Amino acid sequence: MKKIVLMSAILLGTMSAFAQHEQHATAKKEEATKKEEYQCPMKCEGKKTYDKKGKCPSCGMDLKAVKK
């Protein structure tokens, strides 16, 4: 009986550790996919977007974050 209780406790602890690791890995993956895109507010280049903040090469205005 003691062996069954001990093995159950070890199994439960192992499963909990792996479950926590999986949640952490999933959260990191979601953060990595949330890239912001920037676009000229005047849309002088149409729907072209950039991955970094900066100035529009056409008009020189600050690029604004695009809402998805």
PDB file of N, CA and C in Angstrom:
ATOM      1  N   MET A   1       0.816  -1.189   0.000  1.00  0.00           N
ATOM      2  CA  MET A   1       0.000   0.000   0.000  1.00  0.00           C
ATOM      3  C   MET A   1       0.866   1.261   0.000  1.00  0.00           C
ATOM      4  N   LYS A   2       1.949   1.232   0.787  1.00  0.00           N
ATOM      5  CA  LYS A   2       2.831   2.390   0.843  1.00  0.00           C
ATOM      6  C   LYS A   2       3.486   2.646  -0.511  1.00  0.00           C
ATOM      7  N   LYS A   3       3.815   1.571  -1.224  1.00  0.00           N
ATOM      8  CA  LYS A   3       4.440   1.717  -2.541  1.00  0.00           C
ATOM      9  C   LYS A   3       3.487   2.401  -3.519  1.00  0.00           C
ATOM     10  N   ILE A   4       2.218   2.051  -3.472  1.00  0.00           N
ATOM     11  CA  ILE A   4       1.231   2.644  -4.381  1.00  0.00           C
ATOM     12  C   ILE A   4       1.091   4.139  -4.101  1.00  0.00           C
ATOM     13  N   VAL A   5       1.017   4.505  -2.830  1.00  0.00           N
ATOM     14  CA  VAL A   5       0.897   5.920  -2.458  1.00  0.00           C
ATOM     15  C   VAL A   5       2.152   6.679  -2.880  1.00  0.00           C
ATOM     16  N   LEU A   6       3.311   6.111  -2.648  1.00  0.00           N
ATOM     17  CA  LEU A   6       4.565   6.757  -3.018  1.00  0.00           C
ATOM     18  C   LEU A   6       4.678   6.927  -4.528  1.00  0.00           C
ATOM     19  N   MET A   7       4.359   5.893  -5.279  1.00  0.00           N
ATOM     20  CA  MET A   7       4.430   5.973  -6.741  1.00  0.00           C
ATOM     21  C   MET A   7       3.416   6.986  -7.281  1.00  0.00           C
ATOM     22  N   SER A   8       2.231   7.036  -6.680  1.00  0.00           N
ATOM     23  CA  SER A   8       1.220   8.009  -7.104  1.00  0.00           C
ATOM     24  C   SER A   8       1.708   9.435  -6.862  1.00  0.00           C
ATOM     25  N   ALA A   9       2.331   9.669  -5.721  1.00  0.00           N
ATOM     26  CA  ALA A   9       2.848  10.997  -5.397  1.00  0.00           C
ATOM     27  C   ALA A   9       3.960  11.402  -6.370  1.00  0.00           C
ATOM     28  N   ILE A  10       4.849  10.490  -6.687  1.00  0.00           N
ATOM     29  CA  ILE A  10       5.934  10.775  -7.632  1.00  0.00           C
ATOM     30  C   ILE A  10       5.370  11.059  -9.018  1.00  0.00           C
ATOM     31  N   LEU A  11       4.418  10.256  -9.449  1.00  0.00           N
ATOM     32  CA  LEU A  11       3.798  10.448 -10.761  1.00  0.00           C
ATOM     33  C   LEU A  11       3.076  11.794 -10.834  1.00  0.00           C
ATOM     34  N   LEU A  12       2.343  12.137  -9.811  1.00  0.00           N
ATOM     35  CA  LEU A  12       1.621  13.406  -9.774  1.00  0.00           C
ATOM     36  C   LEU A  12       2.593  14.589  -9.804  1.00  0.00           C
ATOM     37  N   GLY A  13       3.667  14.504  -9.052  1.00  0.00           N
ATOM     38  CA  GLY A  13       4.674  15.571  -9.044  1.00  0.00           C
ATOM     39  C   GLY A  13       5.338  15.743 -10.398  1.00  0.00           C
ATOM     40  N   THR A  14       5.659  14.651 -11.051  1.00  0.00           N
ATOM     41  CA  THR A  14       6.283  14.700 -12.378  1.00  0.00           C
ATOM     42  C   THR A  14       5.339  15.313 -13.398  1.00  0.00           C
ATOM     43  N   MET A  15       4.079  14.906 -13.360  1.00  0.00           N
ATOM     44  CA  MET A  15       3.102  15.443 -14.308  1.00  0.00           C
ATOM     45  C   MET A  15       2.905  16.943 -14.091  1.00  0.00           C
ATOM     46  N   SER A  16       2.888  17.385 -12.850  1.00  0.00           N
ATOM     47  CA  SER A  16       2.733  18.812 -12.553  1.00  0.00           C
ATOM     48  C   SER A  16       3.910  19.618 -13.087  1.00  0.00           C
ATOM     49  N   ALA A  17       5.107  19.091 -12.934  1.00  0.00           N
ATOM     50  CA  ALA A  17       6.299  19.793 -13.418  1.00  0.00           C
ATOM     51  C   ALA A  17       6.266  19.952 -14.933  1.00  0.00           C
ATOM     52  N   PHE A  18       5.886  18.913 -15.650  1.00  0.00           N
ATOM     53  CA  PHE A  18       5.819  19.002 -17.108  1.00  0.00           C
ATOM     54  C   PHE A  18       4.693  19.920 -17.565  1.00  0.00           C
ATOM     55  N   ALA A  19       3.586  19.943 -16.854  1.00  0.00           N
ATOM     56  CA  ALA A  19       2.465  20.821 -17.216  1.00  0.00           C
ATOM     57  C   ALA A  19       2.878  22.282 -17.073  1.00  0.00           C
ATOM     58  N   GLN A  20       3.595  22.629 -16.025  1.00  0.00           N
ATOM     59  CA  GLN A  20       4.056  24.006 -15.829  1.00  0.00           C
ATOM     60  C   GLN A  20       5.028  24.409 -16.920  1.00  0.00           C
ATOM     61  N   HIS A  21       5.911  23.515 -17.304  1.00  0.00           N
ATOM     62  CA  HIS A  21       6.886  23.807 -18.350  1.00  0.00           C
ATOM     63  C   HIS A  21       6.177  24.078 -19.672  1.00  0.00           C
ATOM     64  N   GLU A  22       5.155  23.323 -19.989  1.00  0.00           N
ATOM     65  CA  GLU A  22       4.420  23.483 -21.248  1.00  0.00           C
ATOM     66  C   GLU A  22       3.706  24.829 -21.291  1.00  0.00           C
ATOM     67  N   GLN A  23       3.102  25.263 -20.191  1.00  0.00           N
ATOM     68  CA  GLN A  23       2.425  26.559 -20.150  1.00  0.00           C
ATOM     69  C   GLN A  23       3.423  27.685 -20.362  1.00  0.00           C
ATOM     70  N   HIS A  24       4.578  27.591 -19.754  1.00  0.00           N
ATOM     71  CA  HIS A  24       5.606  28.620 -19.885  1.00  0.00           C
ATOM     72  C   HIS A  24       6.101  28.702 -21.326  1.00  0.00           C
ATOM     73  N   ALA A  25       6.315  27.579 -21.959  1.00  0.00           N
ATOM     74  CA  ALA A  25       6.789  27.553 -23.342  1.00  0.00           C
ATOM     75  C   ALA A  25       5.738  28.129 -24.283  1.00  0.00           C
ATOM     76  N   THR A  26       4.472  27.853 -24.040  1.00  0.00           N
ATOM     77  CA  THR A  26       3.396  28.378 -24.879  1.00  0.00           C
ATOM     78  C   THR A  26       3.300  29.888 -24.741  1.00  0.00           C
ATOM     79  N   ALA A  27       3.446  30.407 -23.534  1.00  0.00           N
ATOM     80  CA  ALA A  27       3.374  31.851 -23.310  1.00  0.00           C
ATOM     81  C   ALA A  27       4.510  32.570 -24.033  1.00  0.00           C
ATOM     82  N   LYS A  28       5.711  32.005 -24.004  1.00  0.00           N
ATOM     83  CA  LYS A  28       6.842  32.619 -24.705  1.00  0.00           C
ATOM     84  C   LYS A  28       6.608  32.634 -26.209  1.00  0.00           C
ATOM     85  N   LYS A  29       6.034  31.564 -26.744  1.00  0.00           N
ATOM     86  CA  LYS A  29       5.777  31.479 -28.176  1.00  0.00           C
ATOM     87  C   LYS A  29       4.761  32.539 -28.597  1.00  0.00           C
ATOM     88  N   GLU A  30       3.725  32.771 -27.778  1.00  0.00           N
ATOM     89  CA  GLU A  30       2.719  33.782 -28.093  1.00  0.00           C
ATOM     90  C   GLU A  30       3.327  35.180 -28.084  1.00  0.00           C
ATOM     91  N   GLU A  31       4.231  35.453 -27.138  1.00  0.00           N
ATOM     92  CA  GLU A  31       4.887  36.754 -27.083  1.00  0.00           C
ATOM     93  C   GLU A  31       5.742  36.985 -28.320  1.00  0.00           C
ATOM     94  N   ALA A  32       6.387  35.948 -28.787  1.00  0.00           N
ATOM     95  CA  ALA A  32       7.252  36.088 -29.952  1.00  0.00           C
ATOM     96  C   ALA A  32       6.459  36.376 -31.216  1.00  0.00           C
ATOM     97  N   THR A  33       5.235  35.886 -31.292  1.00  0.00           N
ATOM     98  CA  THR A  33       4.439  36.105 -32.496  1.00  0.00           C
ATOM     99  C   THR A  33       3.713  37.443 -32.488  1.00  0.00           C
ATOM    100  N   LYS A  34       3.722  38.152 -31.380  1.00  0.00           N
ATOM    101  CA  LYS A  34       3.058  39.446 -31.290  1.00  0.00           C
ATOM    102  C   LYS A  34       4.000  40.557 -31.734  1.00  0.00           C
ATOM    103  N   LYS A  35       4.354  40.578 -32.978  1.00  0.00           N
ATOM    104  CA  LYS A  35       5.212  41.630 -33.497  1.00  0.00           C
ATOM    105  C   LYS A  35       4.350  42.808 -33.909  1.00  0.00           C
ATOM    106  N   GLU A  36       4.796  44.004 -33.556  1.00  0.00           N
ATOM    107  CA  GLU A  36       4.071  45.190 -33.977  1.00  0.00           C
ATOM    108  C   GLU A  36       4.512  45.580 -35.369  1.00  0.00           C
ATOM    109  N   GLU A  37       3.569  46.106 -36.114  1.00  0.00           N
ATOM    110  CA  GLU A  37       3.864  46.624 -37.442  1.00  0.00           C
ATOM    111  C   GLU A  37       3.566  48.111 -37.429  1.00  0.00           C
ATOM    112  N   TYR A  38       4.316  48.852 -38.200  1.00  0.00           N
ATOM    113  CA  TYR A  38       4.171  50.299 -38.260  1.00  0.00           C
ATOM    114  C   TYR A  38       3.862  50.719 -39.682  1.00  0.00           C
ATOM    115  N   GLN A  39       3.082  51.807 -39.783  1.00  0.00           N
ATOM    116  CA  GLN A  39       2.647  52.284 -41.089  1.00  0.00           C
ATOM    117  C   GLN A  39       2.566  53.804 -41.049  1.00  0.00           C
ATOM    118  N   CYS A  40       2.759  54.428 -42.189  1.00  0.00           N
ATOM    119  CA  CYS A  40       2.641  55.877 -42.291  1.00  0.00           C
ATOM    120  C   CYS A  40       1.175  56.269 -42.081  1.00  0.00           C
ATOM    121  N   PRO A  41       0.896  57.270 -41.227  1.00  0.00           N
ATOM    122  CA  PRO A  41      -0.491  57.682 -41.017  1.00  0.00           C
ATOM    123  C   PRO A  41      -1.125  58.297 -42.268  1.00  0.00           C
ATOM    124  N   MET A  42      -0.325  58.810 -43.183  1.00  0.00           N
ATOM    125  CA  MET A  42      -0.846  59.388 -44.423  1.00  0.00           C
ATOM    126  C   MET A  42      -1.039  58.324 -45.500  1.00  0.00           C
ATOM    127  N   LYS A  43      -0.538  57.130 -45.248  1.00  0.00           N
ATOM    128  CA  LYS A  43      -0.627  56.003 -46.190  1.00  0.00           C
ATOM    129  C   LYS A  43      -0.090  56.377 -47.576  1.00  0.00           C
ATOM    130  N   CYS A  44       1.015  57.107 -47.576  1.00  0.00           N
ATOM    131  CA  CYS A  44       1.594  57.540 -48.850  1.00  0.00           C
ATOM    132  C   CYS A  44       2.233  56.380 -49.615  1.00  0.00           C
ATOM    133  N   GLU A  45       2.466  55.260 -48.955  1.00  0.00           N
ATOM    134  CA  GLU A  45       2.990  54.078 -49.641  1.00  0.00           C
ATOM    135  C   GLU A  45       1.940  52.969 -49.688  1.00  0.00           C
ATOM    136  N   GLY A  46       0.690  53.341 -49.612  1.00  0.00           N
ATOM    137  CA  GLY A  46      -0.380  52.347 -49.634  1.00  0.00           C
ATOM    138  C   GLY A  46      -0.464  51.625 -48.306  1.00  0.00           C
ATOM    139  N   LYS A  47      -0.540  50.311 -48.354  1.00  0.00           N
ATOM    140  CA  LYS A  47      -0.663  49.509 -47.131  1.00  0.00           C
ATOM    141  C   LYS A  47       0.671  48.918 -46.693  1.00  0.00           C
ATOM    142  N   LYS A  48       1.767  49.482 -47.150  1.00  0.00           N
ATOM    143  CA  LYS A  48       3.091  48.964 -46.791  1.00  0.00           C
ATOM    144  C   LYS A  48       3.329  49.166 -45.298  1.00  0.00           C
ATOM    145  N   THR A  49       3.867  48.132 -44.641  1.00  0.00           N
ATOM    146  CA  THR A  49       4.154  48.202 -43.212  1.00  0.00           C
ATOM    147  C   THR A  49       5.633  47.944 -42.965  1.00  0.00           C
ATOM    148  N   TYR A  50       6.081  48.387 -41.799  1.00  0.00           N
ATOM    149  CA  TYR A  50       7.474  48.214 -41.379  1.00  0.00           C
ATOM    150  C   TYR A  50       7.481  47.523 -40.024  1.00  0.00           C
ATOM    151  N   ASP A  51       8.566  46.825 -39.712  1.00  0.00           N
ATOM    152  CA  ASP A  51       8.639  46.118 -38.438  1.00  0.00           C
ATOM    153  C   ASP A  51       9.305  46.937 -37.338  1.00  0.00           C
ATOM    154  N   LYS A  52       9.806  48.125 -37.650  1.00  0.00           N
ATOM    155  CA  LYS A  52      10.449  48.987 -36.659  1.00  0.00           C
ATOM    156  C   LYS A  52       9.880  50.390 -36.742  1.00  0.00           C
ATOM    157  N   LYS A  53       9.920  51.093 -35.590  1.00  0.00           N
ATOM    158  CA  LYS A  53       9.516  52.497 -35.570  1.00  0.00           C
ATOM    159  C   LYS A  53      10.502  53.300 -36.397  1.00  0.00           C
ATOM    160  N   GLY A  54      10.066  54.444 -36.834  1.00  0.00           N
ATOM    161  CA  GLY A  54      10.959  55.307 -37.586  1.00  0.00           C
ATOM    162  C   GLY A  54      10.168  56.357 -38.332  1.00  0.00           C
ATOM    163  N   LYS A  55      10.751  56.851 -39.387  1.00  0.00           N
ATOM    164  CA  LYS A  55      10.127  57.875 -40.224  1.00  0.00           C
ATOM    165  C   LYS A  55       9.736  57.257 -41.559  1.00  0.00           C
ATOM    166  N   CYS A  56       8.670  57.783 -42.139  1.00  0.00           N
ATOM    167  CA  CYS A  56       8.240  57.351 -43.464  1.00  0.00           C
ATOM    168  C   CYS A  56       9.271  57.840 -44.475  1.00  0.00           C
ATOM    169  N   PRO A  57       9.755  56.968 -45.346  1.00  0.00           N
ATOM    170  CA  PRO A  57      10.755  57.395 -46.326  1.00  0.00           C
ATOM    171  C   PRO A  57      10.196  58.373 -47.361  1.00  0.00           C
ATOM    172  N   SER A  58       8.890  58.393 -47.560  1.00  0.00           N
ATOM    173  CA  SER A  58       8.300  59.288 -48.560  1.00  0.00           C
ATOM    174  C   SER A  58       8.040  60.686 -48.011  1.00  0.00           C
ATOM    175  N   CYS A  59       7.336  60.774 -46.861  1.00  0.00           N
ATOM    176  CA  CYS A  59       6.933  62.087 -46.356  1.00  0.00           C
ATOM    177  C   CYS A  59       7.670  62.515 -45.095  1.00  0.00           C
ATOM    178  N   GLY A  60       8.352  61.599 -44.408  1.00  0.00           N
ATOM    179  CA  GLY A  60       9.128  61.944 -43.221  1.00  0.00           C
ATOM    180  C   GLY A  60       8.333  61.938 -41.921  1.00  0.00           C
ATOM    181  N   MET A  61       7.049  61.582 -41.965  1.00  0.00           N
ATOM    182  CA  MET A  61       6.250  61.531 -40.736  1.00  0.00           C
ATOM    183  C   MET A  61       6.628  60.307 -39.908  1.00  0.00           C
ATOM    184  N   ASP A  62       6.367  60.389 -38.602  1.00  0.00           N
ATOM    185  CA  ASP A  62       6.612  59.244 -37.724  1.00  0.00           C
ATOM    186  C   ASP A  62       5.646  58.120 -38.072  1.00  0.00           C
ATOM    187  N   LEU A  63       6.178  56.899 -38.134  1.00  0.00           N
ATOM    188  CA  LEU A  63       5.334  55.732 -38.392  1.00  0.00           C
ATOM    189  C   LEU A  63       4.521  55.418 -37.141  1.00  0.00           C
ATOM    190  N   LYS A  64       3.275  55.012 -37.322  1.00  0.00           N
ATOM    191  CA  LYS A  64       2.376  54.686 -36.215  1.00  0.00           C
ATOM    192  C   LYS A  64       2.129  53.181 -36.187  1.00  0.00           C
ATOM    193  N   ALA A  65       1.900  52.652 -34.989  1.00  0.00           N
ATOM    194  CA  ALA A  65       1.610  51.221 -34.837  1.00  0.00           C
ATOM    195  C   ALA A  65       0.275  50.896 -35.498  1.00  0.00           C
ATOM    196  N   VAL A  66       0.236  49.774 -36.207  1.00  0.00           N
ATOM    197  CA  VAL A  66      -0.977  49.335 -36.895  1.00  0.00           C
ATOM    198  C   VAL A  66      -1.745  48.420 -35.958  1.00  0.00           C
ATOM    199  N   LYS A  67      -3.044  48.670 -35.801  1.00  0.00           N
ATOM    200  CA  LYS A  67      -3.891  47.791 -34.991  1.00  0.00           C
ATOM    201  C   LYS A  67      -4.329  46.622 -35.843  1.00  0.00           C
ATOM    202  N   LYS A  68      -4.218  45.423 -35.267  1.00  0.00           N
ATOM    203  CA  LYS A  68      -4.596  44.219 -36.015  1.00  0.00           C
ATOM    204  C   LYS A  68      -5.972  43.774 -35.637  1.00  0.00           C
TER     205      LYS A  68
END
